[in-house]
Amino acid sequence: MPSTPFEIPEQIREMADRTVEQARKAIGQYIDATQKAVADAEGSARTVRDSAADVGRQALAFVEDNVSASFDFAHRVLQARTVEEIAALQREFLTKQMASLSEQGKSLGEMAGRATSEAMSKIKK
């Protein structure tokens, strides 16, 4: 099967690459600020707050992983030379992301369940 040429002019590729890097940096700064806010929010009601903070930190770590994977995907697409290569990259990315999101949801659900159980046991005491 012949490859369909898909040429992105070098100036456009470089501009898009810079834009992706700027967006990555902005998201990184947002994540850092959010992590600082989560850290600052930890306080008195230790059991509930610690559990919520753990879930929050884990959720932020997952967001960071997913954003990083998305930017990596964007860079790879910018380097693609054919429509078929882009389609293959898209399939690979979506497959990995679906598996990752499933695991992340399971992990956060388990953490939230443990946090709820701990909070309820403290309330009963």
PDB file of N, CA and C in Angstrom:
ATOM      1  N   MET A   1       0.847  -1.179   0.000  1.00  0.00           N
ATOM      2  CA  MET A   1       0.000   0.000   0.000  1.00  0.00           C
ATOM      3  C   MET A   1       0.889   1.239   0.000  1.00  0.00           C
ATOM      4  N   PRO A   2       0.765   2.083  -1.009  1.00  0.00           N
ATOM      5  CA  PRO A   2       1.634   3.264  -1.077  1.00  0.00           C
ATOM      6  C   PRO A   2       1.286   4.261   0.019  1.00  0.00           C
ATOM      7  N   SER A   3       2.297   4.948   0.486  1.00  0.00           N
ATOM      8  CA  SER A   3       2.099   5.967   1.514  1.00  0.00           C
ATOM      9  C   SER A   3       1.601   7.252   0.872  1.00  0.00           C
ATOM     10  N   THR A   4       0.678   7.894   1.545  1.00  0.00           N
ATOM     11  CA  THR A   4       0.171   9.179   1.076  1.00  0.00           C
ATOM     12  C   THR A   4       1.078  10.266   1.636  1.00  0.00           C
ATOM     13  N   PRO A   5       1.710  11.071   0.773  1.00  0.00           N
ATOM     14  CA  PRO A   5       2.604  12.114   1.296  1.00  0.00           C
ATOM     15  C   PRO A   5       1.825  13.125   2.136  1.00  0.00           C
ATOM     16  N   PHE A   6       2.434  13.535   3.201  1.00  0.00           N
ATOM     17  CA  PHE A   6       1.820  14.515   4.091  1.00  0.00           C
ATOM     18  C   PHE A   6       2.929  15.430   4.558  1.00  0.00           C
ATOM     19  N   GLU A   7       3.145  16.513   3.853  1.00  0.00           N
ATOM     20  CA  GLU A   7       4.258  17.399   4.114  1.00  0.00           C
ATOM     21  C   GLU A   7       3.776  18.631   4.862  1.00  0.00           C
ATOM     22  N   ILE A   8       4.381  18.905   5.982  1.00  0.00           N
ATOM     23  CA  ILE A   8       4.118  20.141   6.713  1.00  0.00           C
ATOM     24  C   ILE A   8       5.328  21.035   6.467  1.00  0.00           C
ATOM     25  N   PRO A   9       5.116  22.261   5.981  1.00  0.00           N
ATOM     26  CA  PRO A   9       6.254  23.152   5.754  1.00  0.00           C
ATOM     27  C   PRO A   9       7.065  23.309   7.041  1.00  0.00           C
ATOM     28  N   GLU A  10       8.380  23.406   6.881  1.00  0.00           N
ATOM     29  CA  GLU A  10       9.285  23.447   8.032  1.00  0.00           C
ATOM     30  C   GLU A  10       8.968  24.616   8.967  1.00  0.00           C
ATOM     31  N   GLN A  11       8.641  25.794   8.416  1.00  0.00           N
ATOM     32  CA  GLN A  11       8.310  26.943   9.265  1.00  0.00           C
ATOM     33  C   GLN A  11       7.074  26.652  10.113  1.00  0.00           C
ATOM     34  N   ILE A  12       6.073  26.034   9.514  1.00  0.00           N
ATOM     35  CA  ILE A  12       4.850  25.692  10.246  1.00  0.00           C
ATOM     36  C   ILE A  12       5.171  24.652  11.307  1.00  0.00           C
ATOM     37  N   ARG A  13       5.974  23.656  10.954  1.00  0.00           N
ATOM     38  CA  ARG A  13       6.366  22.605  11.898  1.00  0.00           C
ATOM     39  C   ARG A  13       7.095  23.220  13.093  1.00  0.00           C
ATOM     40  N   GLU A  14       8.042  24.141  12.816  1.00  0.00           N
ATOM     41  CA  GLU A  14       8.792  24.777  13.901  1.00  0.00           C
ATOM     42  C   GLU A  14       7.882  25.646  14.771  1.00  0.00           C
ATOM     43  N   MET A  15       6.987  26.399  14.126  1.00  0.00           N
ATOM     44  CA  MET A  15       6.062  27.238  14.876  1.00  0.00           C
ATOM     45  C   MET A  15       5.150  26.376  15.756  1.00  0.00           C
ATOM     46  N   ALA A  16       4.639  25.297  15.193  1.00  0.00           N
ATOM     47  CA  ALA A  16       3.772  24.401  15.959  1.00  0.00           C
ATOM     48  C   ALA A  16       4.550  23.768  17.106  1.00  0.00           C
ATOM     49  N   ASP A  17       5.792  23.405  16.842  1.00  0.00           N
ATOM     50  CA  ASP A  17       6.636  22.802  17.877  1.00  0.00           C
ATOM     51  C   ASP A  17       6.839  23.790  19.027  1.00  0.00           C
ATOM     52  N   ARG A  18       7.124  25.057  18.697  1.00  0.00           N
ATOM     53  CA  ARG A  18       7.296  26.084  19.744  1.00  0.00           C
ATOM     54  C   ARG A  18       5.994  26.285  20.522  1.00  0.00           C
ATOM     55  N   THR A  19       4.884  26.288  19.813  1.00  0.00           N
ATOM     56  CA  THR A  19       3.589  26.472  20.464  1.00  0.00           C
ATOM     57  C   THR A  19       3.303  25.331  21.428  1.00  0.00           C
ATOM     58  N   VAL A  20       3.595  24.110  21.001  1.00  0.00           N
ATOM     59  CA  VAL A  20       3.393  22.948  21.874  1.00  0.00           C
ATOM     60  C   VAL A  20       4.288  23.065  23.103  1.00  0.00           C
ATOM     61  N   GLU A  21       5.543  23.498  22.907  1.00  0.00           N
ATOM     62  CA  GLU A  21       6.453  23.645  24.048  1.00  0.00           C
ATOM     63  C   GLU A  21       5.967  24.733  25.008  1.00  0.00           C
ATOM     64  N   GLN A  22       5.466  25.843  24.462  1.00  0.00           N
ATOM     65  CA  GLN A  22       4.935  26.911  25.314  1.00  0.00           C
ATOM     66  C   GLN A  22       3.721  26.420  26.100  1.00  0.00           C
ATOM     67  N   ALA A  23       2.865  25.672  25.444  1.00  0.00           N
ATOM     68  CA  ALA A  23       1.692  25.127  26.129  1.00  0.00           C
ATOM     69  C   ALA A  23       2.116  24.144  27.211  1.00  0.00           C
ATOM     70  N   ARG A  24       3.122  23.306  26.905  1.00  0.00           N
ATOM     71  CA  ARG A  24       3.636  22.351  27.898  1.00  0.00           C
ATOM     72  C   ARG A  24       4.153  23.107  29.120  1.00  0.00           C
ATOM     73  N   LYS A  25       4.903  24.189  28.881  1.00  0.00           N
ATOM     74  CA  LYS A  25       5.459  24.974  29.980  1.00  0.00           C
ATOM     75  C   LYS A  25       4.333  25.609  30.804  1.00  0.00           C
ATOM     76  N   ALA A  26       3.321  26.154  30.136  1.00  0.00           N
ATOM     77  CA  ALA A  26       2.197  26.784  30.842  1.00  0.00           C
ATOM     78  C   ALA A  26       1.443  25.764  31.687  1.00  0.00           C
ATOM     79  N   ILE A  27       1.202  24.588  31.132  1.00  0.00           N
ATOM     80  CA  ILE A  27       0.515  23.538  31.893  1.00  0.00           C
ATOM     81  C   ILE A  27       1.379  23.104  33.071  1.00  0.00           C
ATOM     82  N   GLY A  28       2.683  23.008  32.862  1.00  0.00           N
ATOM     83  CA  GLY A  28       3.591  22.653  33.955  1.00  0.00           C
ATOM     84  C   GLY A  28       3.518  23.659  35.091  1.00  0.00           C
ATOM     85  N   GLN A  29       3.468  24.949  34.741  1.00  0.00           N
ATOM     86  CA  GLN A  29       3.349  25.989  35.762  1.00  0.00           C
ATOM     87  C   GLN A  29       2.005  25.893  36.479  1.00  0.00           C
ATOM     88  N   TYR A  30       0.954  25.603  35.737  1.00  0.00           N
ATOM     89  CA  TYR A  30      -0.374  25.439  36.342  1.00  0.00           C
ATOM     90  C   TYR A  30      -0.368  24.258  37.304  1.00  0.00           C
ATOM     91  N   ILE A  31       0.220  23.151  36.880  1.00  0.00           N
ATOM     92  CA  ILE A  31       0.273  21.963  37.741  1.00  0.00           C
ATOM     93  C   ILE A  31       1.088  22.260  38.993  1.00  0.00           C
ATOM     94  N   ASP A  32       2.220  22.960  38.832  1.00  0.00           N
ATOM     95  CA  ASP A  32       3.033  23.325  39.998  1.00  0.00           C
ATOM     96  C   ASP A  32       2.236  24.191  40.969  1.00  0.00           C
ATOM     97  N   ALA A  33       1.521  25.178  40.449  1.00  0.00           N
ATOM     98  CA  ALA A  33       0.717  26.057  41.305  1.00  0.00           C
ATOM     99  C   ALA A  33      -0.394  25.273  41.996  1.00  0.00           C
ATOM    100  N   THR A  34      -1.006  24.347  41.262  1.00  0.00           N
ATOM    101  CA  THR A  34      -2.075  23.540  41.846  1.00  0.00           C
ATOM    102  C   THR A  34      -1.522  22.623  42.927  1.00  0.00           C
ATOM    103  N   GLN A  35      -0.359  22.030  42.671  1.00  0.00           N
ATOM    104  CA  GLN A  35       0.257  21.179  43.690  1.00  0.00           C
ATOM    105  C   GLN A  35       0.592  21.988  44.935  1.00  0.00           C
ATOM    106  N   LYS A  36       1.064  23.218  44.751  1.00  0.00           N
ATOM    107  CA  LYS A  36       1.352  24.069  45.900  1.00  0.00           C
ATOM    108  C   LYS A  36       0.062  24.379  46.660  1.00  0.00           C
ATOM    109  N   ALA A  37      -1.004  24.654  45.929  1.00  0.00           N
ATOM    110  CA  ALA A  37      -2.290  24.942  46.577  1.00  0.00           C
ATOM    111  C   ALA A  37      -2.787  23.737  47.363  1.00  0.00           C
ATOM    112  N   VAL A  38      -2.629  22.538  46.791  1.00  0.00           N
ATOM    113  CA  VAL A  38      -3.036  21.319  47.504  1.00  0.00           C
ATOM    114  C   VAL A  38      -2.186  21.159  48.760  1.00  0.00           C
ATOM    115  N   ALA A  39      -0.880  21.383  48.643  1.00  0.00           N
ATOM    116  CA  ALA A  39       0.010  21.261  49.801  1.00  0.00           C
ATOM    117  C   ALA A  39      -0.356  22.284  50.878  1.00  0.00           C
ATOM    118  N   ASP A  40      -0.682  23.515  50.462  1.00  0.00           N
ATOM    119  CA  ASP A  40      -1.054  24.565  51.420  1.00  0.00           C
ATOM    120  C   ASP A  40      -2.386  24.268  52.111  1.00  0.00           C
ATOM    121  N   ALA A  41      -3.262  23.522  51.431  1.00  0.00           N
ATOM    122  CA  ALA A  41      -4.596  23.242  51.971  1.00  0.00           C
ATOM    123  C   ALA A  41      -4.580  22.185  53.072  1.00  0.00           C
ATOM    124  N   GLU A  42      -3.473  21.450  53.175  1.00  0.00           N
ATOM    125  CA  GLU A  42      -3.410  20.411  54.208  1.00  0.00           C
ATOM    126  C   GLU A  42      -3.388  21.085  55.579  1.00  0.00           C
ATOM    127  N   GLY A  43      -4.186  20.630  56.449  1.00  0.00           N
ATOM    128  CA  GLY A  43      -4.261  21.275  57.751  1.00  0.00           C
ATOM    129  C   GLY A  43      -4.753  20.360  58.831  1.00  0.00           C
ATOM    130  N   SER A  44      -5.710  20.872  59.610  1.00  0.00           N
ATOM    131  CA  SER A  44      -6.098  20.252  60.861  1.00  0.00           C
ATOM    132  C   SER A  44      -6.779  18.901  60.724  1.00  0.00           C
ATOM    133  N   ALA A  45      -7.954  18.786  60.251  1.00  0.00           N
ATOM    134  CA  ALA A  45      -8.709  17.518  60.260  1.00  0.00           C
ATOM    135  C   ALA A  45      -7.897  16.459  59.526  1.00  0.00           C
ATOM    136  N   ARG A  46      -6.925  15.907  60.217  1.00  0.00           N
ATOM    137  CA  ARG A  46      -5.865  15.111  59.605  1.00  0.00           C
ATOM    138  C   ARG A  46      -6.350  13.899  58.813  1.00  0.00           C
ATOM    139  N   THR A  47      -7.146  13.076  59.363  1.00  0.00           N
ATOM    140  CA  THR A  47      -7.521  11.846  58.667  1.00  0.00           C
ATOM    141  C   THR A  47      -8.227  12.145  57.361  1.00  0.00           C
ATOM    142  N   VAL A  48      -9.251  12.979  57.437  1.00  0.00           N
ATOM    143  CA  VAL A  48     -10.024  13.306  56.237  1.00  0.00           C
ATOM    144  C   VAL A  48      -9.176  14.118  55.273  1.00  0.00           C
ATOM    145  N   ARG A  49      -8.519  15.110  55.799  1.00  0.00           N
ATOM    146  CA  ARG A  49      -7.713  15.979  54.936  1.00  0.00           C
ATOM    147  C   ARG A  49      -6.535  15.232  54.333  1.00  0.00           C
ATOM    148  N   ASP A  50      -5.852  14.419  55.127  1.00  0.00           N
ATOM    149  CA  ASP A  50      -4.711  13.678  54.587  1.00  0.00           C
ATOM    150  C   ASP A  50      -5.155  12.754  53.467  1.00  0.00           C
ATOM    151  N   SER A  51      -6.273  12.079  53.686  1.00  0.00           N
ATOM    152  CA  SER A  51      -6.789  11.178  52.649  1.00  0.00           C
ATOM    153  C   SER A  51      -7.182  11.952  51.401  1.00  0.00           C
ATOM    154  N   ALA A  52      -7.866  13.072  51.593  1.00  0.00           N
ATOM    155  CA  ALA A  52      -8.274  13.895  50.447  1.00  0.00           C
ATOM    156  C   ALA A  52      -7.051  14.455  49.726  1.00  0.00           C
ATOM    157  N   ALA A  53      -6.057  14.858  50.497  1.00  0.00           N
ATOM    158  CA  ALA A  53      -4.834  15.386  49.891  1.00  0.00           C
ATOM    159  C   ALA A  53      -4.119  14.303  49.092  1.00  0.00           C
ATOM    160  N   ASP A  54      -4.091  13.082  49.640  1.00  0.00           N
ATOM    161  CA  ASP A  54      -3.468  11.970  48.910  1.00  0.00           C
ATOM    162  C   ASP A  54      -4.176  11.722  47.583  1.00  0.00           C
ATOM    163  N   VAL A  55      -5.500  11.724  47.631  1.00  0.00           N
ATOM    164  CA  VAL A  55      -6.281  11.530  46.403  1.00  0.00           C
ATOM    165  C   VAL A  55      -6.010  12.692  45.447  1.00  0.00           C
ATOM    166  N   GLY A  56      -5.984  13.904  45.966  1.00  0.00           N
ATOM    167  CA  GLY A  56      -5.714  15.080  45.134  1.00  0.00           C
ATOM    168  C   GLY A  56      -4.342  15.045  44.499  1.00  0.00           C
ATOM    169  N   ARG A  57      -3.339  14.685  45.298  1.00  0.00           N
ATOM    170  CA  ARG A  57      -1.978  14.595  44.751  1.00  0.00           C
ATOM    171  C   ARG A  57      -1.882  13.512  43.688  1.00  0.00           C
ATOM    172  N   GLN A  58      -2.534  12.376  43.959  1.00  0.00           N
ATOM    173  CA  GLN A  58      -2.501  11.291  42.980  1.00  0.00           C
ATOM    174  C   GLN A  58      -3.221  11.709  41.697  1.00  0.00           C
ATOM    175  N   ALA A  59      -4.357  12.389  41.851  1.00  0.00           N
ATOM    176  CA  ALA A  59      -5.097  12.863  40.672  1.00  0.00           C
ATOM    177  C   ALA A  59      -4.245  13.844  39.867  1.00  0.00           C
ATOM    178  N   LEU A  60      -3.552  14.743  40.558  1.00  0.00           N
ATOM    179  CA  LEU A  60      -2.674  15.686  39.862  1.00  0.00           C
ATOM    180  C   LEU A  60      -1.526  14.967  39.164  1.00  0.00           C
ATOM    181  N   ALA A  61      -0.995  13.937  39.800  1.00  0.00           N
ATOM    182  CA  ALA A  61       0.068  13.157  39.155  1.00  0.00           C
ATOM    183  C   ALA A  61      -0.461  12.504  37.882  1.00  0.00           C
ATOM    184  N   PHE A  62      -1.688  11.996  37.944  1.00  0.00           N
ATOM    185  CA  PHE A  62      -2.284  11.397  36.752  1.00  0.00           C
ATOM    186  C   PHE A  62      -2.505  12.450  35.672  1.00  0.00           C
ATOM    187  N   VAL A  63      -2.972  13.622  36.065  1.00  0.00           N
ATOM    188  CA  VAL A  63      -3.166  14.708  35.093  1.00  0.00           C
ATOM    189  C   VAL A  63      -1.834  15.051  34.435  1.00  0.00           C
ATOM    190  N   GLU A  64      -0.800  15.157  35.254  1.00  0.00           N
ATOM    191  CA  GLU A  64       0.526  15.480  34.734  1.00  0.00           C
ATOM    192  C   GLU A  64       0.993  14.411  33.748  1.00  0.00           C
ATOM    193  N   ASP A  65       0.803  13.138  34.091  1.00  0.00           N
ATOM    194  CA  ASP A  65       1.175  12.042  33.188  1.00  0.00           C
ATOM    195  C   ASP A  65       0.403  12.127  31.878  1.00  0.00           C
ATOM    196  N   ASN A  66      -0.904  12.376  31.978  1.00  0.00           N
ATOM    197  CA  ASN A  66      -1.746  12.425  30.780  1.00  0.00           C
ATOM    198  C   ASN A  66      -1.402  13.621  29.898  1.00  0.00           C
ATOM    199  N   VAL A  67      -1.141  14.766  30.519  1.00  0.00           N
ATOM    200  CA  VAL A  67      -0.761  15.950  29.748  1.00  0.00           C
ATOM    201  C   VAL A  67       0.576  15.714  29.059  1.00  0.00           C
ATOM    202  N   SER A  68       1.520  15.134  29.778  1.00  0.00           N
ATOM    203  CA  SER A  68       2.824  14.836  29.192  1.00  0.00           C
ATOM    204  C   SER A  68       2.685  13.879  28.010  1.00  0.00           C
ATOM    205  N   ALA A  69       1.868  12.845  28.181  1.00  0.00           N
ATOM    206  CA  ALA A  69       1.643  11.895  27.084  1.00  0.00           C
ATOM    207  C   ALA A  69       1.011  12.596  25.887  1.00  0.00           C
ATOM    208  N   SER A  70       0.116  13.530  26.141  1.00  0.00           N
ATOM    209  CA  SER A  70      -0.531  14.270  25.051  1.00  0.00           C
ATOM    210  C   SER A  70       0.464  15.155  24.307  1.00  0.00           C
ATOM    211  N   PHE A  71       1.343  15.813  25.043  1.00  0.00           N
ATOM    212  CA  PHE A  71       2.352  16.637  24.378  1.00  0.00           C
ATOM    213  C   PHE A  71       3.345  15.774  23.599  1.00  0.00           C
ATOM    214  N   ASP A  72       3.725  14.651  24.168  1.00  0.00           N
ATOM    215  CA  ASP A  72       4.607  13.733  23.442  1.00  0.00           C
ATOM    216  C   ASP A  72       3.940  13.277  22.151  1.00  0.00           C
ATOM    217  N   PHE A  73       2.658  12.959  22.231  1.00  0.00           N
ATOM    218  CA  PHE A  73       1.894  12.561  21.047  1.00  0.00           C
ATOM    219  C   PHE A  73       1.886  13.693  20.024  1.00  0.00           C
ATOM    220  N   ALA A  74       1.653  14.921  20.475  1.00  0.00           N
ATOM    221  CA  ALA A  74       1.626  16.066  19.558  1.00  0.00           C
ATOM    222  C   ALA A  74       2.958  16.220  18.837  1.00  0.00           C
ATOM    223  N   HIS A  75       4.061  16.056  19.564  1.00  0.00           N
ATOM    224  CA  HIS A  75       5.383  16.136  18.934  1.00  0.00           C
ATOM    225  C   HIS A  75       5.554  15.033  17.892  1.00  0.00           C
ATOM    226  N   ARG A  76       5.112  13.843  18.227  1.00  0.00           N
ATOM    227  CA  ARG A  76       5.254  12.724  17.287  1.00  0.00           C
ATOM    228  C   ARG A  76       4.416  12.958  16.032  1.00  0.00           C
ATOM    229  N   VAL A  77       3.217  13.495  16.197  1.00  0.00           N
ATOM    230  CA  VAL A  77       2.365  13.781  15.033  1.00  0.00           C
ATOM    231  C   VAL A  77       3.021  14.837  14.148  1.00  0.00           C
ATOM    232  N   LEU A  78       3.642  15.843  14.771  1.00  0.00           N
ATOM    233  CA  LEU A  78       4.309  16.881  13.989  1.00  0.00           C
ATOM    234  C   LEU A  78       5.460  16.324  13.156  1.00  0.00           C
ATOM    235  N   GLN A  79       6.026  15.221  13.593  1.00  0.00           N
ATOM    236  CA  GLN A  79       7.134  14.612  12.862  1.00  0.00           C
ATOM    237  C   GLN A  79       6.661  13.615  11.809  1.00  0.00           C
ATOM    238  N   ALA A  80       5.382  13.280  11.824  1.00  0.00           N
ATOM    239  CA  ALA A  80       4.837  12.289  10.886  1.00  0.00           C
ATOM    240  C   ALA A  80       4.949  12.803   9.457  1.00  0.00           C
ATOM    241  N   ARG A  81       5.164  11.870   8.549  1.00  0.00           N
ATOM    242  CA  ARG A  81       5.333  12.231   7.143  1.00  0.00           C
ATOM    243  C   ARG A  81       4.182  11.758   6.261  1.00  0.00           C
ATOM    244  N   THR A  82       3.339  10.855   6.785  1.00  0.00           N
ATOM    245  CA  THR A  82       2.228  10.342   5.980  1.00  0.00           C
ATOM    246  C   THR A  82       0.953  10.318   6.814  1.00  0.00           C
ATOM    247  N   VAL A  83      -0.173  10.304   6.111  1.00  0.00           N
ATOM    248  CA  VAL A  83      -1.461  10.204   6.788  1.00  0.00           C
ATOM    249  C   VAL A  83      -1.547   8.874   7.532  1.00  0.00           C
ATOM    250  N   GLU A  84      -1.008   7.819   6.936  1.00  0.00           N
ATOM    251  CA  GLU A  84      -1.029   6.503   7.577  1.00  0.00           C
ATOM    252  C   GLU A  84      -0.244   6.514   8.883  1.00  0.00           C
ATOM    253  N   GLU A  85       0.897   7.216   8.882  1.00  0.00           N
ATOM    254  CA  GLU A  85       1.705   7.308  10.101  1.00  0.00           C
ATOM    255  C   GLU A  85       0.931   8.055  11.195  1.00  0.00           C
ATOM    256  N   ILE A  86       0.234   9.106  10.815  1.00  0.00           N
ATOM    257  CA  ILE A  86      -0.577   9.858  11.782  1.00  0.00           C
ATOM    258  C   ILE A  86      -1.677   8.967  12.345  1.00  0.00           C
ATOM    259  N   ALA A  87      -2.334   8.206  11.467  1.00  0.00           N
ATOM    260  CA  ALA A  87      -3.406   7.310  11.923  1.00  0.00           C
ATOM    261  C   ALA A  87      -2.856   6.260  12.886  1.00  0.00           C
ATOM    262  N   ALA A  88      -1.683   5.707  12.573  1.00  0.00           N
ATOM    263  CA  ALA A  88      -1.073   4.702  13.453  1.00  0.00           C
ATOM    264  C   ALA A  88      -0.714   5.320  14.804  1.00  0.00           C
ATOM    265  N   LEU A  89      -0.169   6.525  14.783  1.00  0.00           N
ATOM    266  CA  LEU A  89       0.166   7.216  16.034  1.00  0.00           C
ATOM    267  C   LEU A  89      -1.090   7.480  16.860  1.00  0.00           C
ATOM    268  N   GLN A  90      -2.160   7.878  16.190  1.00  0.00           N
ATOM    269  CA  GLN A  90      -3.430   8.144  16.874  1.00  0.00           C
ATOM    270  C   GLN A  90      -3.966   6.874  17.531  1.00  0.00           C
ATOM    271  N   ARG A  91      -3.952   5.765  16.786  1.00  0.00           N
ATOM    272  CA  ARG A  91      -4.431   4.485  17.347  1.00  0.00           C
ATOM    273  C   ARG A  91      -3.608   4.089  18.566  1.00  0.00           C
ATOM    274  N   GLU A  92      -2.295   4.177  18.434  1.00  0.00           N
ATOM    275  CA  GLU A  92      -1.400   3.808  19.535  1.00  0.00           C
ATOM    276  C   GLU A  92      -1.655   4.694  20.759  1.00  0.00           C
ATOM    277  N   PHE A  93      -1.771   5.988  20.536  1.00  0.00           N
ATOM    278  CA  PHE A  93      -2.001   6.923  21.632  1.00  0.00           C
ATOM    279  C   PHE A  93      -3.325   6.636  22.331  1.00  0.00           C
ATOM    280  N   LEU A  94      -4.387   6.479  21.559  1.00  0.00           N
ATOM    281  CA  LEU A  94      -5.701   6.236  22.153  1.00  0.00           C
ATOM    282  C   LEU A  94      -5.739   4.925  22.926  1.00  0.00           C
ATOM    283  N   THR A  95      -5.110   3.890  22.398  1.00  0.00           N
ATOM    284  CA  THR A  95      -5.070   2.598  23.091  1.00  0.00           C
ATOM    285  C   THR A  95      -4.362   2.741  24.438  1.00  0.00           C
ATOM    286  N   LYS A  96      -3.197   3.393  24.419  1.00  0.00           N
ATOM    287  CA  LYS A  96      -2.439   3.577  25.662  1.00  0.00           C
ATOM    288  C   LYS A  96      -3.204   4.453  26.655  1.00  0.00           C
ATOM    289  N   GLN A  97      -3.820   5.522  26.165  1.00  0.00           N
ATOM    290  CA  GLN A  97      -4.548   6.422  27.054  1.00  0.00           C
ATOM    291  C   GLN A  97      -5.761   5.746  27.677  1.00  0.00           C
ATOM    292  N   MET A  98      -6.482   4.953  26.912  1.00  0.00           N
ATOM    293  CA  MET A  98      -7.655   4.262  27.470  1.00  0.00           C
ATOM    294  C   MET A  98      -7.225   3.304  28.581  1.00  0.00           C
ATOM    295  N   ALA A  99      -6.144   2.558  28.352  1.00  0.00           N
ATOM    296  CA  ALA A  99      -5.642   1.647  29.389  1.00  0.00           C
ATOM    297  C   ALA A  99      -5.193   2.444  30.614  1.00  0.00           C
ATOM    298  N   SER A 100      -4.496   3.532  30.372  1.00  0.00           N
ATOM    299  CA  SER A 100      -4.002   4.367  31.462  1.00  0.00           C
ATOM    300  C   SER A 100      -5.155   4.977  32.258  1.00  0.00           C
ATOM    301  N   LEU A 101      -6.151   5.519  31.570  1.00  0.00           N
ATOM    302  CA  LEU A 101      -7.298   6.120  32.257  1.00  0.00           C
ATOM    303  C   LEU A 101      -8.071   5.091  33.071  1.00  0.00           C
ATOM    304  N   SER A 102      -8.171   3.886  32.557  1.00  0.00           N
ATOM    305  CA  SER A 102      -8.856   2.818  33.286  1.00  0.00           C
ATOM    306  C   SER A 102      -8.124   2.514  34.593  1.00  0.00           C
ATOM    307  N   GLU A 103      -6.817   2.367  34.512  1.00  0.00           N
ATOM    308  CA  GLU A 103      -6.015   2.098  35.717  1.00  0.00           C
ATOM    309  C   GLU A 103      -6.071   3.272  36.690  1.00  0.00           C
ATOM    310  N   GLN A 104      -6.007   4.478  36.164  1.00  0.00           N
ATOM    311  CA  GLN A 104      -6.049   5.663  37.020  1.00  0.00           C
ATOM    312  C   GLN A 104      -7.388   5.764  37.747  1.00  0.00           C
ATOM    313  N   GLY A 105      -8.468   5.508  37.041  1.00  0.00           N
ATOM    314  CA  GLY A 105      -9.795   5.544  37.663  1.00  0.00           C
ATOM    315  C   GLY A 105      -9.927   4.506  38.756  1.00  0.00           C
ATOM    316  N   LYS A 106      -9.417   3.317  38.481  1.00  0.00           N
ATOM    317  CA  LYS A 106      -9.456   2.241  39.474  1.00  0.00           C
ATOM    318  C   LYS A 106      -8.660   2.647  40.719  1.00  0.00           C
ATOM    319  N   SER A 107      -7.476   3.182  40.505  1.00  0.00           N
ATOM    320  CA  SER A 107      -6.618   3.592  41.617  1.00  0.00           C
ATOM    321  C   SER A 107      -7.273   4.692  42.457  1.00  0.00           C
ATOM    322  N   LEU A 108      -7.824   5.710  41.793  1.00  0.00           N
ATOM    323  CA  LEU A 108      -8.476   6.796  42.532  1.00  0.00           C
ATOM    324  C   LEU A 108      -9.716   6.302  43.265  1.00  0.00           C
ATOM    325  N   GLY A 109     -10.460   5.390  42.657  1.00  0.00           N
ATOM    326  CA  GLY A 109     -11.637   4.813  43.310  1.00  0.00           C
ATOM    327  C   GLY A 109     -11.260   4.064  44.576  1.00  0.00           C
ATOM    328  N   GLU A 110     -10.187   3.285  44.489  1.00  0.00           N
ATOM    329  CA  GLU A 110      -9.721   2.548  45.672  1.00  0.00           C
ATOM    330  C   GLU A 110      -9.265   3.506  46.767  1.00  0.00           C
ATOM    331  N   MET A 111      -8.529   4.548  46.367  1.00  0.00           N
ATOM    332  CA  MET A 111      -8.066   5.527  47.355  1.00  0.00           C
ATOM    333  C   MET A 111      -9.246   6.235  48.018  1.00  0.00           C
ATOM    334  N   ALA A 112     -10.227   6.626  47.230  1.00  0.00           N
ATOM    335  CA  ALA A 112     -11.404   7.312  47.776  1.00  0.00           C
ATOM    336  C   ALA A 112     -12.182   6.385  48.704  1.00  0.00           C
ATOM    337  N   GLY A 113     -12.282   5.119  48.349  1.00  0.00           N
ATOM    338  CA  GLY A 113     -12.965   4.145  49.205  1.00  0.00           C
ATOM    339  C   GLY A 113     -12.267   3.993  50.544  1.00  0.00           C
ATOM    340  N   ARG A 114     -10.935   3.900  50.511  1.00  0.00           N
ATOM    341  CA  ARG A 114     -10.172   3.801  51.764  1.00  0.00           C
ATOM    342  C   ARG A 114     -10.346   5.068  52.601  1.00  0.00           C
ATOM    343  N   ALA A 115     -10.315   6.216  51.944  1.00  0.00           N
ATOM    344  CA  ALA A 115     -10.473   7.489  52.662  1.00  0.00           C
ATOM    345  C   ALA A 115     -11.839   7.567  53.328  1.00  0.00           C
ATOM    346  N   THR A 116     -12.866   7.142  52.621  1.00  0.00           N
ATOM    347  CA  THR A 116     -14.222   7.159  53.181  1.00  0.00           C
ATOM    348  C   THR A 116     -14.318   6.219  54.373  1.00  0.00           C
ATOM    349  N   SER A 117     -13.755   5.021  54.242  1.00  0.00           N
ATOM    350  CA  SER A 117     -13.777   4.055  55.346  1.00  0.00           C
ATOM    351  C   SER A 117     -13.058   4.604  56.570  1.00  0.00           C
ATOM    352  N   GLU A 118     -11.890   5.220  56.358  1.00  0.00           N
ATOM    353  CA  GLU A 118     -11.143   5.791  57.476  1.00  0.00           C
ATOM    354  C   GLU A 118     -11.924   6.928  58.134  1.00  0.00           C
ATOM    355  N   ALA A 119     -12.529   7.770  57.317  1.00  0.00           N
ATOM    356  CA  ALA A 119     -13.302   8.891  57.866  1.00  0.00           C
ATOM    357  C   ALA A 119     -14.488   8.383  58.673  1.00  0.00           C
ATOM    358  N   MET A 120     -15.174   7.379  58.167  1.00  0.00           N
ATOM    359  CA  MET A 120     -16.336   6.827  58.874  1.00  0.00           C
ATOM    360  C   MET A 120     -15.911   6.181  60.187  1.00  0.00           C
ATOM    361  N   SER A 121     -14.772   5.495  60.189  1.00  0.00           N
ATOM    362  CA  SER A 121     -14.320   4.862  61.432  1.00  0.00           C
ATOM    363  C   SER A 121     -13.951   5.916  62.471  1.00  0.00           C
ATOM    364  N   LYS A 122     -13.397   7.047  62.043  1.00  0.00           N
ATOM    365  CA  LYS A 122     -13.070   8.131  62.979  1.00  0.00           C
ATOM    366  C   LYS A 122     -14.343   8.777  63.528  1.00  0.00           C
ATOM    367  N   ILE A 123     -15.352   8.917  62.674  1.00  0.00           N
ATOM    368  CA  ILE A 123     -16.615   9.524  63.108  1.00  0.00           C
ATOM    369  C   ILE A 123     -17.297   8.638  64.142  1.00  0.00           C
ATOM    370  N   LYS A 124     -17.230   7.319  63.952  1.00  0.00           N
ATOM    371  CA  LYS A 124     -17.882   6.378  64.871  1.00  0.00           C
ATOM    372  C   LYS A 124     -17.209   6.353  66.231  1.00  0.00           C
ATOM    373  N   LYS A 125     -15.943   6.742  66.314  1.00  0.00           N
ATOM    374  CA  LYS A 125     -15.209   6.696  67.589  1.00  0.00           C
ATOM    375  C   LYS A 125     -15.567   7.792  68.479  1.00  0.00           C
TER     376      LYS A 125
END
